[in-house]
């Protein structure tokens, strides 16, 4: 290895390298980390070795210092391994969550993500019939994705999906997710729970919504937050007609919507809440929060914040907005 640029980070199949702009910005000097202490014996040894143990040039070396009676921790995700469930069309969630981990390496050492897509083969969202078909695709594919994600033995799940886009009201969302969660015995971090906890943490009651949704989707989103006990003063939806295209809404349009339509003197908002996990918002929040003096809550950062706190990780984090810093 000749330089830091030769290092390759395998991040849930993302194929990041140190030449990637996210990693290049925070790439540390290469240093040797001490081995984490083995965990207490559990169901069986990990890693399980074959009868011959380690093999060198065809010669059996036995366990080679690996105690065959010990469950060793996951080298990268020894603190918390999250299974992340997201629509197959989503190209934003993994980037934003991994960036938070990489920008907060000391605080989030040992935290890892294992992403599993939920098949959504027809992501068209032009009409209410399209939205209903998308709902059937996602809900119908959720069980198979959970079963697949469980193969990695995660410690907890993050549902990276705005369920209010496709379901009307808090109770249908809770019922749908309770059915999905019954396939596991793990903790789940969901947007509706995370948003409620975040808004209460920042003391917000009057909120504005920024979404990629159309009229019906925004109606659904408004209903969710009203069911959670908040007053939705105003909402803006970019009416994306394809779920994959949500990732292409330019930041300039989001900033303009916040400044000109939501965070106005007339609206007197306590916070702006962004829905839609494929619509990146953390950079916009970081830029505008100091200027506006009110919280801008990004769905991906907030849901990750909630998942970390469920796992007992409460350190302040940079790069995700005021909520995570404080």
Protein backbone atom coordinates (compact mmCIF):
# COMPACT_ATOMS: atom_id res chain seq x y z
CA UNK A 1 0.00 0.00 0.00
CA UNK A 2 1.75 3.17 -1.16
CA UNK A 3 -0.59 5.85 0.16
CA UNK A 4 -3.87 6.54 1.84
CA UNK A 5 -5.52 6.67 -1.57
CA UNK A 6 -4.81 2.95 -1.96
CA UNK A 7 -7.13 2.15 0.92
CA UNK A 8 -10.59 0.93 -0.05
CA UNK A 9 -13.50 1.16 2.35
CA UNK A 10 -16.27 -1.33 1.71
CA UNK A 11 -19.38 0.35 3.08
CA UNK A 12 -22.35 -1.97 2.52
CA UNK A 13 -21.44 -2.45 -1.08
CA UNK A 14 -21.13 1.27 -1.78
CA UNK A 15 -17.59 0.94 -3.10
CA UNK A 16 -16.32 4.13 -1.44
CA UNK A 17 -12.62 4.88 -1.75
CA UNK A 18 -10.52 7.58 -0.15
CA UNK A 19 -10.71 9.46 -3.45
CA UNK A 20 -14.45 9.89 -2.86
CA UNK A 21 -15.07 13.54 -1.84
CA UNK A 22 -16.87 12.55 1.38
CA UNK A 23 -13.97 10.38 2.53
CA UNK A 24 -11.18 12.58 1.20
CA UNK A 25 -12.38 15.46 3.34
CA UNK A 26 -12.02 13.57 6.60
CA UNK A 27 -9.44 10.89 5.76
CA UNK A 28 -7.20 10.36 8.81
CA UNK A 29 -3.62 9.21 8.93
CA UNK A 30 -3.34 5.42 8.77
CA UNK A 31 -2.83 3.99 12.24
CA UNK A 32 -3.10 0.58 13.85
CA UNK A 33 -6.12 0.15 16.09
CA UNK A 34 -5.95 -2.16 19.12
CA UNK A 35 -7.93 -5.37 18.86
CA UNK A 36 -11.31 -5.07 20.62
CA UNK A 37 -11.71 -7.40 23.54
CA UNK A 38 -13.57 -10.62 22.70
CA UNK A 39 -17.17 -10.72 23.82
CA UNK A 40 -18.44 -13.21 26.35
CA UNK A 41 -19.16 -16.71 25.03
CA UNK A 42 -22.62 -16.96 23.49
CA UNK A 43 -24.47 -19.33 21.18
CA UNK A 44 -21.29 -20.52 19.51
CA UNK A 45 -17.86 -19.40 18.35
CA UNK A 46 -17.56 -16.54 15.88
CA UNK A 47 -15.75 -16.85 13.57
CA UNK A 48 -16.44 -20.57 13.25
CA UNK A 49 -13.39 -22.22 11.71
CA UNK A 50 -13.24 -25.42 9.72
CA UNK A 51 -11.74 -28.56 11.33
CA UNK A 52 -8.26 -27.75 10.03
CA UNK A 53 -8.35 -24.15 11.22
CA UNK A 54 -6.22 -21.59 9.38
CA UNK A 55 -4.53 -22.83 6.19
CA UNK A 56 -1.21 -21.56 4.83
CA UNK A 57 -0.06 -22.78 1.42
CA UNK A 58 -2.14 -25.90 1.88
CA UNK A 59 -0.75 -26.61 5.36
CA UNK A 60 -3.05 -26.73 8.42
CA UNK A 61 -2.09 -24.27 11.15
CA UNK A 62 -4.93 -24.86 13.60
CA UNK A 63 -6.76 -21.91 15.22
CA UNK A 64 -3.74 -19.56 14.84
CA UNK A 65 -4.51 -17.68 18.05
CA UNK A 66 -8.26 -17.48 17.49
CA UNK A 67 -9.85 -18.95 20.61
CA UNK A 68 -12.34 -21.56 19.33
CA UNK A 69 -14.57 -21.05 22.38
CA UNK A 70 -15.03 -17.27 22.03
CA UNK A 71 -17.50 -15.10 20.12
CA UNK A 72 -15.33 -12.30 18.73
CA UNK A 73 -17.02 -8.98 17.91
CA UNK A 74 -17.65 -7.74 14.39
CA UNK A 75 -14.45 -5.84 13.54
CA UNK A 76 -16.28 -2.85 12.02
CA UNK A 77 -19.75 -3.01 13.63
CA UNK A 78 -18.84 -4.22 17.10
CA UNK A 79 -20.86 -1.49 18.83
CA UNK A 80 -24.11 -1.35 16.84
CA UNK A 81 -24.96 -3.01 13.52
CA UNK A 82 -28.04 -1.46 11.95
CA UNK A 83 -30.14 -3.17 9.33
CA UNK A 84 -31.38 -0.37 7.07
CA UNK A 85 -34.50 -1.04 5.00
CA UNK A 86 -35.07 1.35 2.10
CA UNK A 87 -36.85 1.47 -1.26
CA UNK A 88 -34.77 0.01 -4.08
CA UNK A 89 -34.98 3.36 -5.90
CA UNK A 90 -33.38 5.23 -2.99
CA UNK A 91 -29.87 6.56 -3.65
CA UNK A 92 -29.63 9.06 -0.76
CA UNK A 93 -30.06 7.31 2.59
CA UNK A 94 -26.84 5.31 2.61
CA UNK A 95 -24.75 8.31 1.55
CA UNK A 96 -26.17 10.58 4.26
CA UNK A 97 -25.91 7.99 7.05
CA UNK A 98 -22.40 6.88 6.15
CA UNK A 99 -21.30 10.51 5.91
CA UNK A 100 -22.54 11.10 9.45
CA UNK A 101 -20.58 8.07 10.62
CA UNK A 102 -17.42 9.12 8.79
CA UNK A 103 -17.65 12.74 9.94
CA UNK A 104 -18.01 11.55 13.56
CA UNK A 105 -15.54 8.70 13.67
CA UNK A 106 -14.57 9.06 17.31
CA UNK A 107 -18.18 9.21 18.54
CA UNK A 108 -19.49 6.50 16.19
CA UNK A 109 -16.58 4.06 16.12
CA UNK A 110 -18.00 0.54 15.85
CA UNK A 111 -21.34 1.65 14.36
CA UNK A 112 -22.16 0.10 10.98
CA UNK A 113 -24.96 -0.14 8.46
CA UNK A 114 -26.24 -3.10 6.46
CA UNK A 115 -28.66 -1.84 3.81
CA UNK A 116 -31.32 -4.02 2.20
CA UNK A 117 -33.55 -2.67 -0.59
CA UNK A 118 -37.29 -3.24 -0.71
CA UNK A 119 -38.27 -4.02 -4.28
CA UNK A 120 -40.32 -1.23 -5.87
CA UNK A 121 -40.22 -2.12 -9.59
CA UNK A 122 -42.75 0.51 -10.69
CA UNK A 123 -41.78 3.79 -8.97
CA UNK A 124 -44.13 6.02 -10.99
CA UNK A 125 -46.06 8.51 -8.81
CA UNK A 126 -48.14 10.56 -11.27
CA UNK A 127 -51.63 9.72 -9.99
CA UNK A 128 -53.39 8.48 -6.85
CA UNK A 129 -53.61 5.07 -8.52
CA UNK A 130 -49.83 5.13 -9.00
CA UNK A 131 -49.38 6.00 -5.32
CA UNK A 132 -51.63 3.11 -4.31
CA UNK A 133 -49.65 0.73 -6.53
CA UNK A 134 -46.39 1.98 -4.99
CA UNK A 135 -47.84 1.38 -1.53
CA UNK A 136 -48.66 -2.23 -2.44
CA UNK A 137 -45.16 -2.74 -3.84
CA UNK A 138 -43.38 -1.42 -0.76
CA UNK A 139 -45.58 -2.98 1.90
CA UNK A 140 -45.76 -6.24 -0.03
CA UNK A 141 -41.96 -6.40 -0.39
CA UNK A 142 -41.11 -5.39 3.16
CA UNK A 143 -41.31 -8.90 4.64
CA UNK A 144 -38.88 -10.39 2.13
CA UNK A 145 -36.43 -7.52 2.71
CA UNK A 146 -36.59 -8.04 6.49
CA UNK A 147 -35.85 -11.75 6.09
CA UNK A 148 -32.91 -10.94 3.84
CA UNK A 149 -31.54 -8.29 6.22
CA UNK A 150 -31.73 -10.69 9.15
CA UNK A 151 -29.08 -12.86 7.47
CA UNK A 152 -26.52 -10.23 8.54
CA UNK A 153 -27.70 -10.54 12.18
CA UNK A 154 -28.26 -6.82 12.82
CA UNK A 155 -28.74 -5.45 16.33
CA UNK A 156 -31.59 -3.15 15.31
CA UNK A 157 -33.50 -1.91 12.27
CA UNK A 158 -33.83 1.53 10.70
CA UNK A 159 -36.82 1.92 8.40
CA UNK A 160 -35.65 4.51 5.86
CA UNK A 161 -39.02 5.28 4.32
CA UNK A 162 -41.63 8.03 4.70
CA UNK A 163 -44.59 5.78 5.35
CA UNK A 164 -46.88 8.84 5.54
CA UNK A 165 -46.36 9.21 1.79
CA UNK A 166 -48.32 6.01 1.14
CA UNK A 167 -50.50 5.61 4.25
CA UNK A 168 -53.05 8.08 5.61
CA UNK A 169 -52.80 8.64 9.34
CA UNK A 170 -50.74 7.43 12.27
CA UNK A 171 -52.74 4.30 13.10
CA UNK A 172 -52.43 2.67 9.63
CA UNK A 173 -48.69 3.38 9.74
CA UNK A 174 -48.34 1.84 13.19
CA UNK A 175 -50.42 -1.20 12.26
CA UNK A 176 -48.41 -1.83 9.09
CA UNK A 177 -45.09 -1.54 10.88
CA UNK A 178 -46.22 -3.61 13.85
CA UNK A 179 -46.97 -6.43 11.43
CA UNK A 180 -43.54 -6.06 9.82
CA UNK A 181 -41.71 -5.80 13.14
CA UNK A 182 -43.38 -8.99 14.39
CA UNK A 183 -40.98 -10.91 12.13
CA UNK A 184 -38.12 -9.88 14.43
CA UNK A 185 -37.37 -9.31 18.10
CA UNK A 186 -35.24 -6.25 17.37
CA UNK A 187 -35.70 -2.56 18.09
CA UNK A 188 -36.98 -0.45 15.17
CA UNK A 189 -36.28 3.22 14.47
CA UNK A 190 -39.09 4.69 12.37
CA UNK A 191 -39.66 8.18 11.01
CA UNK A 192 -42.93 8.85 12.80
CA UNK A 193 -41.42 8.01 16.20
CA UNK A 194 -38.16 9.82 15.43
CA UNK A 195 -39.92 12.97 14.20
CA UNK A 196 -42.13 13.13 17.27
CA UNK A 197 -39.14 12.71 19.61
CA UNK A 198 -37.09 15.30 17.70
CA UNK A 199 -39.81 17.95 17.63
CA UNK A 200 -40.37 17.55 21.34
CA UNK A 201 -36.62 17.70 21.96
CA UNK A 202 -36.39 21.09 20.23
CA UNK A 203 -39.64 22.36 21.76
CA UNK A 204 -41.47 22.77 18.44
CA UNK A 205 -45.25 22.91 18.01
CA UNK A 206 -45.89 24.99 14.87
CA UNK A 207 -44.15 23.33 11.93
CA UNK A 208 -43.74 23.59 8.17
CA UNK A 209 -43.31 20.51 5.96
CA UNK A 210 -40.99 20.20 2.97
CA UNK A 211 -41.54 17.06 0.91
CA UNK A 212 -41.08 15.56 -2.55
CA UNK A 213 -44.76 14.56 -2.50
CA UNK A 214 -47.74 15.66 -4.59
CA UNK A 215 -51.00 17.03 -3.24
CA UNK A 216 -52.21 13.68 -1.88
CA UNK A 217 -48.84 12.83 -0.36
CA UNK A 218 -48.71 16.20 1.38
CA UNK A 219 -52.24 15.66 2.67
CA UNK A 220 -51.07 12.34 4.12
CA UNK A 221 -48.00 13.96 5.68
CA UNK A 222 -50.07 16.73 7.24
CA UNK A 223 -52.41 14.13 8.75
CA UNK A 224 -49.51 12.21 10.31
CA UNK A 225 -48.07 15.23 12.08
CA UNK A 226 -51.48 16.37 13.25
CA UNK A 227 -52.07 12.88 14.63
CA UNK A 228 -48.74 13.20 16.45
CA UNK A 229 -50.01 16.39 18.08
CA UNK A 230 -48.30 19.13 16.04
CA UNK A 231 -49.76 22.07 14.14
CA UNK A 232 -48.86 22.04 10.44
CA UNK A 233 -48.89 25.68 9.44
CA UNK A 234 -47.69 25.24 5.85
CA UNK A 235 -46.42 22.54 3.50
CA UNK A 236 -44.48 22.49 0.24
CA UNK A 237 -44.27 19.41 -2.00
CA UNK A 238 -42.12 19.10 -5.13
CA UNK A 239 -44.64 16.63 -6.64
CA UNK A 240 -42.00 14.23 -8.00
CA UNK A 241 -43.64 11.87 -10.48
CA UNK A 242 -41.00 9.14 -10.08
CA UNK A 243 -39.59 7.92 -6.76
CA UNK A 244 -36.06 7.65 -8.15
CA UNK A 245 -36.14 11.26 -9.37
CA UNK A 246 -36.64 12.55 -5.82
CA UNK A 247 -32.87 12.42 -5.38
CA UNK A 248 -32.49 14.95 -8.22
CA UNK A 249 -34.42 17.85 -6.67
CA UNK A 250 -31.75 20.60 -6.52
CA UNK A 251 -30.70 22.06 -3.19
CA UNK A 252 -31.33 25.56 -4.54
CA UNK A 253 -35.03 24.77 -4.92
CA UNK A 254 -35.20 23.38 -1.39
CA UNK A 255 -33.49 26.46 0.02
CA UNK A 256 -35.87 28.74 -1.86
CA UNK A 257 -38.90 26.80 -0.59
CA UNK A 258 -37.69 27.09 3.00
CA UNK A 259 -36.82 30.78 2.79
CA UNK A 260 -39.71 32.07 0.68
CA UNK A 261 -42.61 29.73 1.50
CA UNK A 262 -42.07 28.13 4.89
CA UNK A 263 -39.81 30.01 7.32
CA UNK A 264 -41.57 33.36 6.87
CA UNK A 265 -42.49 35.91 9.52
CA UNK A 266 -46.16 35.29 8.83
CA UNK A 267 -45.89 31.55 9.48
CA UNK A 268 -44.05 31.95 12.81
CA UNK A 269 -42.71 28.40 12.65
CA UNK A 270 -40.91 26.59 15.44
CA UNK A 271 -39.27 24.15 13.01
CA UNK A 272 -39.18 22.97 9.40
CA UNK A 273 -39.53 19.21 8.91
CA UNK A 274 -38.33 17.51 5.73
CA UNK A 275 -39.98 14.25 4.63
CA UNK A 276 -38.92 11.81 1.91
CA UNK A 277 -35.75 9.79 2.54
CA UNK A 278 -34.53 10.04 -1.07
CA UNK A 279 -34.51 13.85 -0.92
CA UNK A 280 -31.20 14.95 0.58
CA UNK A 281 -31.57 17.79 3.06
CA UNK A 282 -28.71 17.71 5.58
CA UNK A 283 -26.55 20.19 3.65
CA UNK A 284 -29.47 22.60 3.30
CA UNK A 285 -30.17 22.34 7.03
CA UNK A 286 -26.54 22.98 7.89
CA UNK A 287 -26.47 26.12 5.72
CA UNK A 288 -29.82 27.63 6.71
CA UNK A 289 -30.19 26.85 10.41
CA UNK A 290 -27.68 29.52 11.54
CA UNK A 291 -29.30 32.06 9.23
CA UNK A 292 -32.89 31.35 10.30
CA UNK A 293 -32.35 30.53 13.95
CA UNK A 294 -34.80 27.61 13.94
CA UNK A 295 -34.35 23.84 13.61
CA UNK A 296 -34.49 22.27 10.14
CA UNK A 297 -35.10 18.57 10.70
CA UNK A 298 -33.86 16.22 7.97
CA UNK A 299 -35.59 12.85 7.90
CA UNK A 300 -32.42 10.78 7.48
CA UNK A 301 -30.41 12.59 10.16
CA UNK A 302 -33.33 12.59 12.60
CA UNK A 303 -34.14 8.90 12.13
CA UNK A 304 -30.46 8.01 12.61
CA UNK A 305 -30.34 10.23 15.72
CA UNK A 306 -33.32 8.33 17.11
CA UNK A 307 -31.81 4.92 16.25
CA UNK A 308 -28.54 5.82 17.96
CA UNK A 309 -30.31 6.94 21.11
CA UNK A 310 -32.36 3.77 21.20
CA UNK A 311 -28.99 1.99 21.29
CA UNK A 312 -27.62 4.18 24.07
CA UNK A 313 -25.38 6.34 21.84
CA UNK A 314 -25.95 9.97 22.80
CA UNK A 315 -22.74 11.80 21.86
CA UNK A 316 -23.13 15.13 20.02
CA UNK A 317 -22.61 14.76 16.27
CA UNK A 318 -21.59 17.21 13.56
CA UNK A 319 -22.93 17.42 10.04
CA UNK A 320 -26.58 16.61 10.76
CA UNK A 321 -28.03 19.86 11.99
CA UNK A 322 -28.67 21.47 15.35
CA UNK A 323 -30.58 18.53 16.81
CA UNK A 324 -27.63 16.18 16.47
CA UNK A 325 -25.08 18.74 17.66
CA UNK A 326 -27.00 19.48 20.86
